[in-house]
Protein backbone atom coordinates (compact mmCIF):
# COMPACT_ATOMS: atom_id res chain seq x y z
CA MET A 1 -33.84 11.32 78.51
CA ALA A 2 -33.76 8.58 75.64
CA ARG A 3 -30.60 7.28 76.23
CA PHE A 4 -31.24 6.81 79.90
CA GLU A 5 -34.52 4.94 79.18
CA ILE A 6 -32.38 2.75 76.65
CA GLN A 7 -29.73 2.17 79.04
CA SER A 8 -32.19 0.85 81.37
CA TYR A 9 -33.96 -1.22 78.84
CA GLU A 10 -30.95 -2.91 77.90
CA THR A 11 -29.64 -3.77 80.95
CA ALA A 12 -32.89 -4.33 82.93
CA GLY A 13 -35.74 -6.79 81.10
CA LEU A 14 -32.68 -7.97 78.56
CA ALA A 15 -29.93 -8.41 81.57
CA GLN A 16 -32.87 -10.93 83.42
CA GLY A 17 -32.92 -13.40 80.52
CA VAL A 18 -35.91 -12.25 78.67
CA ALA A 19 -34.85 -10.93 76.09
CA THR A 20 -36.88 -11.91 72.77
CA GLY A 21 -35.79 -11.69 69.08
CA ASP A 22 -38.28 -8.84 68.87
CA MET A 23 -37.22 -6.78 71.71
CA LEU A 24 -33.42 -7.20 70.39
CA PHE A 25 -34.64 -6.64 66.75
CA ARG A 26 -36.04 -3.30 67.95
CA LEU A 27 -32.79 -2.29 69.46
CA GLY A 28 -31.06 -2.66 66.11
CA MET A 29 -33.74 -0.81 64.82
CA MET A 30 -33.68 2.05 67.35
CA TYR A 31 -29.70 2.21 66.51
CA ALA A 32 -29.70 1.65 62.48
CA THR A 33 -32.48 4.63 62.21
CA GLY A 34 -31.36 6.71 65.45
CA ARG A 35 -34.92 6.78 66.70
CA THR A 36 -34.63 8.02 70.46
CA VAL A 37 -30.72 7.57 70.50
CA GLU A 38 -28.08 8.64 68.31
CA PRO A 39 -27.36 6.38 65.19
CA ASN A 40 -24.92 3.81 65.70
CA LEU A 41 -24.36 1.13 62.99
CA VAL A 42 -22.06 -1.34 65.43
CA ASP A 43 -24.72 -1.38 68.06
CA ALA A 44 -27.39 -2.01 65.40
CA HIS A 45 -25.45 -4.90 64.31
CA LYS A 46 -24.80 -6.07 67.62
CA TRP A 47 -28.42 -6.23 68.68
CA PHE A 48 -29.56 -7.51 65.16
CA ASN A 49 -27.06 -10.19 65.38
CA ILE A 50 -28.24 -11.45 68.87
CA ALA A 51 -31.65 -10.86 67.70
CA ALA A 52 -30.88 -13.49 64.62
CA MET A 53 -29.31 -15.72 66.73
CA LYS A 54 -32.76 -15.76 68.94
CA GLY A 55 -34.32 -16.56 65.88
CA TYR A 56 -35.64 -13.60 64.42
CA ALA A 57 -35.31 -13.94 60.54
CA ASP A 58 -35.67 -10.43 59.90
CA ALA A 59 -32.70 -9.60 61.72
CA VAL A 60 -30.12 -11.65 59.50
CA ARG A 61 -31.43 -9.17 56.71
CA TYR A 62 -31.08 -6.03 58.28
CA ARG A 63 -27.62 -6.85 59.64
CA GLN A 64 -26.57 -7.84 56.33
CA GLU A 65 -27.86 -4.37 54.55
CA ILE A 66 -26.21 -2.28 57.44
CA ALA A 67 -23.05 -4.29 56.79
CA ARG A 68 -22.84 -3.21 53.40
CA GLU A 69 -22.19 0.22 54.95
CA MET A 70 -19.66 -0.36 57.39
CA SER A 71 -15.90 -1.12 57.80
CA ALA A 72 -14.80 -4.99 58.56
CA ALA A 73 -12.98 -3.19 61.96
CA ASP A 74 -16.67 -1.72 62.54
CA ILE A 75 -18.40 -5.27 61.88
CA ALA A 76 -16.07 -7.16 64.37
CA GLU A 77 -16.24 -4.48 66.85
CA ALA A 78 -19.70 -5.36 66.69
CA GLN A 79 -19.44 -8.97 66.68
CA ARG A 80 -17.33 -8.86 69.83
CA ALA A 81 -19.96 -6.77 71.64
CA ALA A 82 -22.51 -9.32 70.78
CA ARG A 83 -20.37 -12.24 72.03
CA GLU A 84 -19.99 -10.22 75.31
CA TRP A 85 -23.27 -9.72 75.49
CA LEU A 86 -24.42 -13.08 74.97
CA ASN A 87 -21.38 -14.21 77.80
CA LEU A 88 -23.09 -12.02 80.36
CA HIS A 89 -26.68 -12.55 79.62
């Protein structure tokens, strides 16, 4: 159920261009902590990266913190995913 809700959240409000830095940061926190979804640092990094681009300053710090736990390949994957999402939205 939670997975469906997150997928709906990611594609509904965010896809309509109403994504705020706060919303994107909260998605990053959900994936970083595993709150209501499976923990996934690649997804967390992606959402923190996008939130940072939207001006959410705390996202920069959190992105840096989780990057310390990720491989270079995982970081590159997260950055590609962020670029993809930004290109689509």
